[in-house]
Amino acid sequence: MTVMRLTNEGGNMKKIIAIVTALMIGGSALVTAPAAQALTKKEIRYVKLLKSEAPELYVVGNKRLVKSGKLTCRYLRSGATVVDAIELIEDAGLDQDTAIAIVAAAVVFFCPEEEDYI
């Protein structure tokens, strides 16, 4: 909710998402996990697909991957293009193939209404 409020007021969506994505993917100690919740079946399928396409993500926690995917969809729904989303993930320190895998899997599982753009 805080991210949405900040983005609506300040218009700094790209900057906020870049910071949050970097923290999530990078595993910074500044990001703490909320109370344990089981992943849904859809989220489990997303994580399995993503890790099969980008094995280097095995070191990233499943919940962080899910949050990154959902954040990617939020970014796309705000008007960003798929290329913008890929570049944003690359800016967080991941290679292009991994960024493409994250965006594609996120669209398939979390925002299929954006599927025409991938």
N, C-alpha and C. Protein backbone atom coordinates (compact mmCIF):
# COMPACT_ATOMS: atom_id res chain seq x y z
N MET A 1 0.81 -1.19 0.00
CA MET A 1 0.00 0.00 0.00
C MET A 1 0.86 1.26 0.00
N THR A 2 1.95 1.24 0.75
CA THR A 2 2.82 2.40 0.79
C THR A 2 3.37 2.72 -0.58
N VAL A 3 3.77 1.69 -1.32
CA VAL A 3 4.32 1.92 -2.66
C VAL A 3 3.29 2.60 -3.54
N MET A 4 2.04 2.13 -3.51
CA MET A 4 1.01 2.74 -4.34
C MET A 4 0.77 4.19 -3.95
N ARG A 5 0.71 4.48 -2.65
CA ARG A 5 0.48 5.84 -2.21
C ARG A 5 1.62 6.75 -2.66
N LEU A 6 2.86 6.28 -2.49
CA LEU A 6 4.01 7.09 -2.90
C LEU A 6 4.02 7.32 -4.41
N THR A 7 3.71 6.29 -5.17
CA THR A 7 3.77 6.44 -6.62
C THR A 7 2.67 7.36 -7.11
N ASN A 8 1.51 7.30 -6.50
CA ASN A 8 0.42 8.17 -6.93
C ASN A 8 0.71 9.63 -6.61
N GLU A 9 1.37 9.87 -5.47
CA GLU A 9 1.64 11.25 -5.07
C GLU A 9 2.86 11.82 -5.78
N GLY A 10 3.92 11.01 -5.89
CA GLY A 10 5.17 11.57 -6.37
C GLY A 10 5.49 11.29 -7.82
N GLY A 11 4.84 10.32 -8.42
CA GLY A 11 5.12 10.00 -9.81
C GLY A 11 6.50 9.39 -10.02
N ASN A 12 7.08 8.84 -9.00
CA ASN A 12 8.41 8.25 -9.09
C ASN A 12 8.34 6.73 -9.16
N MET A 13 7.39 6.20 -9.92
CA MET A 13 7.16 4.76 -9.97
C MET A 13 8.42 3.99 -10.33
N LYS A 14 9.13 4.39 -11.36
CA LYS A 14 10.31 3.65 -11.80
C LYS A 14 11.37 3.62 -10.70
N LYS A 15 11.62 4.74 -10.06
CA LYS A 15 12.62 4.80 -9.01
C LYS A 15 12.24 3.92 -7.83
N ILE A 16 10.99 3.96 -7.43
CA ILE A 16 10.53 3.16 -6.29
C ILE A 16 10.63 1.68 -6.61
N ILE A 17 10.17 1.29 -7.79
CA ILE A 17 10.22 -0.12 -8.16
C ILE A 17 11.66 -0.59 -8.27
N ALA A 18 12.55 0.23 -8.79
CA ALA A 18 13.96 -0.16 -8.89
C ALA A 18 14.54 -0.43 -7.52
N ILE A 19 14.23 0.42 -6.56
CA ILE A 19 14.74 0.25 -5.20
C ILE A 19 14.17 -1.01 -4.57
N VAL A 20 12.86 -1.18 -4.67
CA VAL A 20 12.23 -2.35 -4.07
C VAL A 20 12.70 -3.63 -4.74
N THR A 21 12.81 -3.63 -6.06
CA THR A 21 13.27 -4.82 -6.78
C THR A 21 14.71 -5.15 -6.39
N ALA A 22 15.55 -4.14 -6.31
CA ALA A 22 16.95 -4.38 -5.92
C ALA A 22 17.02 -4.98 -4.53
N LEU A 23 16.20 -4.49 -3.62
CA LEU A 23 16.19 -5.03 -2.27
C LEU A 23 15.67 -6.46 -2.25
N MET A 24 14.64 -6.72 -3.02
CA MET A 24 14.06 -8.07 -3.03
C MET A 24 15.00 -9.08 -3.67
N ILE A 25 15.49 -8.77 -4.85
CA ILE A 25 16.35 -9.69 -5.58
C ILE A 25 17.70 -9.81 -4.88
N GLY A 26 18.21 -8.69 -4.41
CA GLY A 26 19.52 -8.69 -3.77
C GLY A 26 19.53 -9.34 -2.41
N GLY A 27 18.39 -9.54 -1.81
CA GLY A 27 18.33 -10.21 -0.51
C GLY A 27 18.87 -9.35 0.61
N SER A 28 18.72 -8.05 0.51
CA SER A 28 19.24 -7.15 1.52
C SER A 28 18.65 -7.44 2.88
N ALA A 29 19.42 -7.24 3.89
CA ALA A 29 18.94 -7.42 5.26
C ALA A 29 17.90 -6.36 5.63
N LEU A 30 17.79 -5.32 4.83
CA LEU A 30 16.81 -4.28 5.11
C LEU A 30 15.38 -4.74 4.85
N VAL A 31 15.22 -5.78 4.05
CA VAL A 31 13.89 -6.29 3.74
C VAL A 31 13.61 -7.46 4.67
N THR A 32 12.57 -7.33 5.46
CA THR A 32 12.22 -8.42 6.35
C THR A 32 10.97 -9.10 5.84
N ALA A 33 10.91 -10.40 6.02
CA ALA A 33 9.77 -11.16 5.54
C ALA A 33 8.59 -10.96 6.48
N PRO A 34 7.39 -10.86 5.92
CA PRO A 34 6.21 -10.77 6.76
C PRO A 34 5.95 -12.13 7.40
N ALA A 35 4.93 -12.19 8.23
CA ALA A 35 4.59 -13.46 8.87
C ALA A 35 4.47 -14.55 7.80
N ALA A 36 4.94 -15.73 8.14
CA ALA A 36 4.97 -16.83 7.18
C ALA A 36 3.57 -17.14 6.63
N GLN A 37 3.48 -17.17 5.33
CA GLN A 37 2.27 -17.56 4.64
C GLN A 37 2.67 -18.52 3.54
N ALA A 38 1.86 -19.55 3.39
CA ALA A 38 2.16 -20.51 2.32
C ALA A 38 1.89 -19.87 0.97
N LEU A 39 2.66 -20.29 -0.01
CA LEU A 39 2.42 -19.82 -1.37
C LEU A 39 1.18 -20.51 -1.93
N THR A 40 0.48 -19.81 -2.80
CA THR A 40 -0.67 -20.41 -3.47
C THR A 40 -0.16 -21.37 -4.55
N LYS A 41 -1.05 -22.18 -5.09
CA LYS A 41 -0.66 -23.10 -6.16
C LYS A 41 -0.13 -22.34 -7.37
N LYS A 42 -0.77 -21.23 -7.67
CA LYS A 42 -0.32 -20.41 -8.81
C LYS A 42 1.09 -19.87 -8.55
N GLU A 43 1.34 -19.41 -7.33
CA GLU A 43 2.66 -18.87 -6.99
C GLU A 43 3.72 -19.97 -7.04
N ILE A 44 3.37 -21.16 -6.59
CA ILE A 44 4.31 -22.28 -6.64
C ILE A 44 4.66 -22.62 -8.09
N ARG A 45 3.66 -22.64 -8.96
CA ARG A 45 3.91 -22.92 -10.38
C ARG A 45 4.79 -21.83 -10.99
N TYR A 46 4.53 -20.57 -10.61
CA TYR A 46 5.34 -19.44 -11.08
C TYR A 46 6.81 -19.64 -10.68
N VAL A 47 7.03 -19.94 -9.42
CA VAL A 47 8.40 -20.10 -8.92
C VAL A 47 9.09 -21.27 -9.63
N LYS A 48 8.38 -22.39 -9.78
CA LYS A 48 8.98 -23.55 -10.45
C LYS A 48 9.36 -23.22 -11.89
N LEU A 49 8.45 -22.56 -12.61
CA LEU A 49 8.75 -22.17 -13.99
C LEU A 49 9.94 -21.22 -14.03
N LEU A 50 9.92 -20.23 -13.18
CA LEU A 50 10.98 -19.23 -13.19
C LEU A 50 12.33 -19.85 -12.88
N LYS A 51 12.38 -20.72 -11.89
CA LYS A 51 13.66 -21.35 -11.53
C LYS A 51 14.11 -22.36 -12.58
N SER A 52 13.18 -22.94 -13.32
CA SER A 52 13.59 -23.84 -14.40
C SER A 52 14.16 -23.05 -15.58
N GLU A 53 13.66 -21.84 -15.78
CA GLU A 53 14.13 -20.98 -16.87
C GLU A 53 15.38 -20.19 -16.49
N ALA A 54 15.54 -19.90 -15.21
CA ALA A 54 16.67 -19.10 -14.73
C ALA A 54 17.22 -19.73 -13.45
N PRO A 55 18.00 -20.81 -13.59
CA PRO A 55 18.49 -21.55 -12.42
C PRO A 55 19.28 -20.70 -11.42
N GLU A 56 19.84 -19.59 -11.88
CA GLU A 56 20.59 -18.73 -10.95
C GLU A 56 19.67 -18.14 -9.88
N LEU A 57 18.36 -18.22 -10.09
CA LEU A 57 17.41 -17.68 -9.10
C LEU A 57 17.13 -18.66 -7.97
N TYR A 58 17.75 -19.84 -8.00
CA TYR A 58 17.55 -20.78 -6.90
C TYR A 58 18.03 -20.20 -5.57
N VAL A 59 18.94 -19.26 -5.62
CA VAL A 59 19.44 -18.65 -4.38
C VAL A 59 18.50 -17.58 -3.83
N VAL A 60 17.49 -17.20 -4.62
CA VAL A 60 16.54 -16.18 -4.19
C VAL A 60 15.33 -16.88 -3.57
N GLY A 61 14.88 -16.38 -2.44
CA GLY A 61 13.73 -16.96 -1.78
C GLY A 61 12.47 -16.92 -2.64
N ASN A 62 11.63 -17.94 -2.48
CA ASN A 62 10.41 -18.03 -3.27
C ASN A 62 9.49 -16.83 -3.07
N LYS A 63 9.32 -16.38 -1.84
CA LYS A 63 8.44 -15.25 -1.58
C LYS A 63 8.97 -13.97 -2.23
N ARG A 64 10.28 -13.83 -2.25
CA ARG A 64 10.86 -12.65 -2.91
C ARG A 64 10.63 -12.70 -4.41
N LEU A 65 10.71 -13.88 -4.98
CA LEU A 65 10.44 -14.00 -6.41
C LEU A 65 8.98 -13.66 -6.70
N VAL A 66 8.08 -14.14 -5.87
CA VAL A 66 6.66 -13.85 -6.06
C VAL A 66 6.41 -12.34 -5.94
N LYS A 67 7.00 -11.72 -4.94
CA LYS A 67 6.83 -10.27 -4.77
C LYS A 67 7.38 -9.52 -5.98
N SER A 68 8.52 -9.97 -6.48
CA SER A 68 9.11 -9.31 -7.66
C SER A 68 8.20 -9.45 -8.87
N GLY A 69 7.61 -10.63 -9.04
CA GLY A 69 6.69 -10.85 -10.16
C GLY A 69 5.46 -9.96 -10.06
N LYS A 70 4.89 -9.89 -8.87
CA LYS A 70 3.70 -9.06 -8.68
C LYS A 70 4.04 -7.57 -8.83
N LEU A 71 5.22 -7.19 -8.38
CA LEU A 71 5.65 -5.81 -8.55
C LEU A 71 5.87 -5.49 -10.02
N THR A 72 6.39 -6.45 -10.77
CA THR A 72 6.56 -6.28 -12.22
C THR A 72 5.21 -6.01 -12.87
N CYS A 73 4.19 -6.76 -12.47
CA CYS A 73 2.85 -6.55 -13.03
C CYS A 73 2.30 -5.18 -12.66
N ARG A 74 2.53 -4.76 -11.45
CA ARG A 74 2.08 -3.43 -11.03
C ARG A 74 2.74 -2.36 -11.90
N TYR A 75 4.01 -2.56 -12.18
CA TYR A 75 4.75 -1.62 -13.03
C TYR A 75 4.16 -1.59 -14.44
N LEU A 76 3.88 -2.77 -14.99
CA LEU A 76 3.29 -2.83 -16.33
C LEU A 76 1.91 -2.19 -16.36
N ARG A 77 1.12 -2.43 -15.34
CA ARG A 77 -0.23 -1.84 -15.28
C ARG A 77 -0.18 -0.32 -15.15
N SER A 78 0.93 0.20 -14.67
CA SER A 78 1.05 1.65 -14.52
C SER A 78 1.36 2.34 -15.85
N GLY A 79 1.58 1.51 -16.89
CA GLY A 79 1.85 2.09 -18.21
C GLY A 79 3.23 1.81 -18.74
N ALA A 80 4.06 1.14 -17.95
CA ALA A 80 5.40 0.80 -18.42
C ALA A 80 5.31 -0.27 -19.50
N THR A 81 6.29 -0.30 -20.36
CA THR A 81 6.35 -1.33 -21.40
C THR A 81 7.11 -2.54 -20.86
N VAL A 82 7.03 -3.64 -21.58
CA VAL A 82 7.79 -4.83 -21.21
C VAL A 82 9.29 -4.52 -21.24
N VAL A 83 9.71 -3.76 -22.23
CA VAL A 83 11.12 -3.37 -22.33
C VAL A 83 11.53 -2.57 -21.09
N ASP A 84 10.67 -1.65 -20.65
CA ASP A 84 10.95 -0.88 -19.43
C ASP A 84 11.14 -1.82 -18.24
N ALA A 85 10.24 -2.81 -18.12
CA ALA A 85 10.30 -3.75 -17.00
C ALA A 85 11.59 -4.58 -17.05
N ILE A 86 11.95 -5.04 -18.24
CA ILE A 86 13.19 -5.82 -18.38
C ILE A 86 14.39 -4.97 -18.01
N GLU A 87 14.44 -3.76 -18.51
CA GLU A 87 15.57 -2.87 -18.20
C GLU A 87 15.64 -2.55 -16.71
N LEU A 88 14.50 -2.40 -16.08
CA LEU A 88 14.46 -2.11 -14.65
C LEU A 88 15.06 -3.28 -13.86
N ILE A 89 14.72 -4.49 -14.24
CA ILE A 89 15.26 -5.66 -13.56
C ILE A 89 16.76 -5.79 -13.84
N GLU A 90 17.17 -5.48 -15.06
CA GLU A 90 18.60 -5.49 -15.37
C GLU A 90 19.33 -4.46 -14.52
N ASP A 91 18.71 -3.30 -14.32
CA ASP A 91 19.31 -2.26 -13.48
C ASP A 91 19.50 -2.73 -12.04
N ALA A 92 18.69 -3.71 -11.62
CA ALA A 92 18.81 -4.27 -10.27
C ALA A 92 19.95 -5.27 -10.19
N GLY A 93 20.63 -5.54 -11.34
CA GLY A 93 21.81 -6.36 -11.32
C GLY A 93 21.67 -7.75 -11.94
N LEU A 94 20.55 -8.01 -12.59
CA LEU A 94 20.38 -9.32 -13.22
C LEU A 94 20.63 -9.22 -14.72
N ASP A 95 21.03 -10.34 -15.33
CA ASP A 95 21.30 -10.32 -16.77
C ASP A 95 19.98 -10.29 -17.55
N GLN A 96 20.09 -10.00 -18.83
CA GLN A 96 18.91 -9.82 -19.67
C GLN A 96 18.04 -11.08 -19.74
N ASP A 97 18.66 -12.26 -19.88
CA ASP A 97 17.88 -13.49 -19.97
C ASP A 97 17.06 -13.72 -18.70
N THR A 98 17.65 -13.45 -17.56
CA THR A 98 16.94 -13.61 -16.29
C THR A 98 15.82 -12.59 -16.18
N ALA A 99 16.09 -11.36 -16.59
CA ALA A 99 15.07 -10.31 -16.55
C ALA A 99 13.89 -10.68 -17.45
N ILE A 100 14.18 -11.19 -18.62
CA ILE A 100 13.12 -11.60 -19.55
C ILE A 100 12.30 -12.73 -18.92
N ALA A 101 12.97 -13.69 -18.30
CA ALA A 101 12.26 -14.81 -17.66
C ALA A 101 11.34 -14.31 -16.55
N ILE A 102 11.80 -13.36 -15.75
CA ILE A 102 10.98 -12.82 -14.65
C ILE A 102 9.75 -12.11 -15.21
N VAL A 103 9.95 -11.26 -16.21
CA VAL A 103 8.83 -10.52 -16.78
C VAL A 103 7.84 -11.46 -17.45
N ALA A 104 8.34 -12.39 -18.25
CA ALA A 104 7.44 -13.31 -18.97
C ALA A 104 6.64 -14.17 -17.99
N ALA A 105 7.30 -14.72 -16.99
CA ALA A 105 6.60 -15.56 -16.01
C ALA A 105 5.60 -14.74 -15.20
N ALA A 106 5.97 -13.52 -14.85
CA ALA A 106 5.06 -12.67 -14.09
C ALA A 106 3.79 -12.39 -14.88
N VAL A 107 3.96 -12.09 -16.16
CA VAL A 107 2.80 -11.80 -17.00
C VAL A 107 1.91 -13.04 -17.12
N VAL A 108 2.49 -14.18 -17.36
CA VAL A 108 1.70 -15.41 -17.52
C VAL A 108 0.91 -15.73 -16.25
N PHE A 109 1.53 -15.58 -15.09
CA PHE A 109 0.88 -16.01 -13.85
C PHE A 109 0.14 -14.91 -13.10
N PHE A 110 0.60 -13.67 -13.17
CA PHE A 110 0.03 -12.63 -12.32
C PHE A 110 -0.70 -11.51 -13.05
N CYS A 111 -0.41 -11.31 -14.32
CA CYS A 111 -1.12 -10.26 -15.04
C CYS A 111 -1.31 -10.66 -16.50
N PRO A 112 -2.10 -11.70 -16.72
CA PRO A 112 -2.30 -12.19 -18.09
C PRO A 112 -2.93 -11.16 -19.01
N GLU A 113 -3.55 -10.13 -18.44
CA GLU A 113 -4.12 -9.08 -19.29
C GLU A 113 -3.02 -8.31 -20.03
N GLU A 114 -1.77 -8.45 -19.59
CA GLU A 114 -0.64 -7.80 -20.24
C GLU A 114 0.03 -8.71 -21.27
N GLU A 115 -0.53 -9.90 -21.48
CA GLU A 115 0.10 -10.91 -22.32
C GLU A 115 0.30 -10.47 -23.77
N ASP A 116 -0.55 -9.59 -24.27
CA ASP A 116 -0.39 -9.11 -25.65
C ASP A 116 0.93 -8.39 -25.86
N TYR A 117 1.57 -7.95 -24.78
CA TYR A 117 2.78 -7.15 -24.90
C TYR A 117 4.05 -7.98 -24.82
N ILE A 118 3.93 -9.30 -24.56
CA ILE A 118 5.15 -10.11 -24.48
C ILE A 118 5.29 -10.99 -25.70
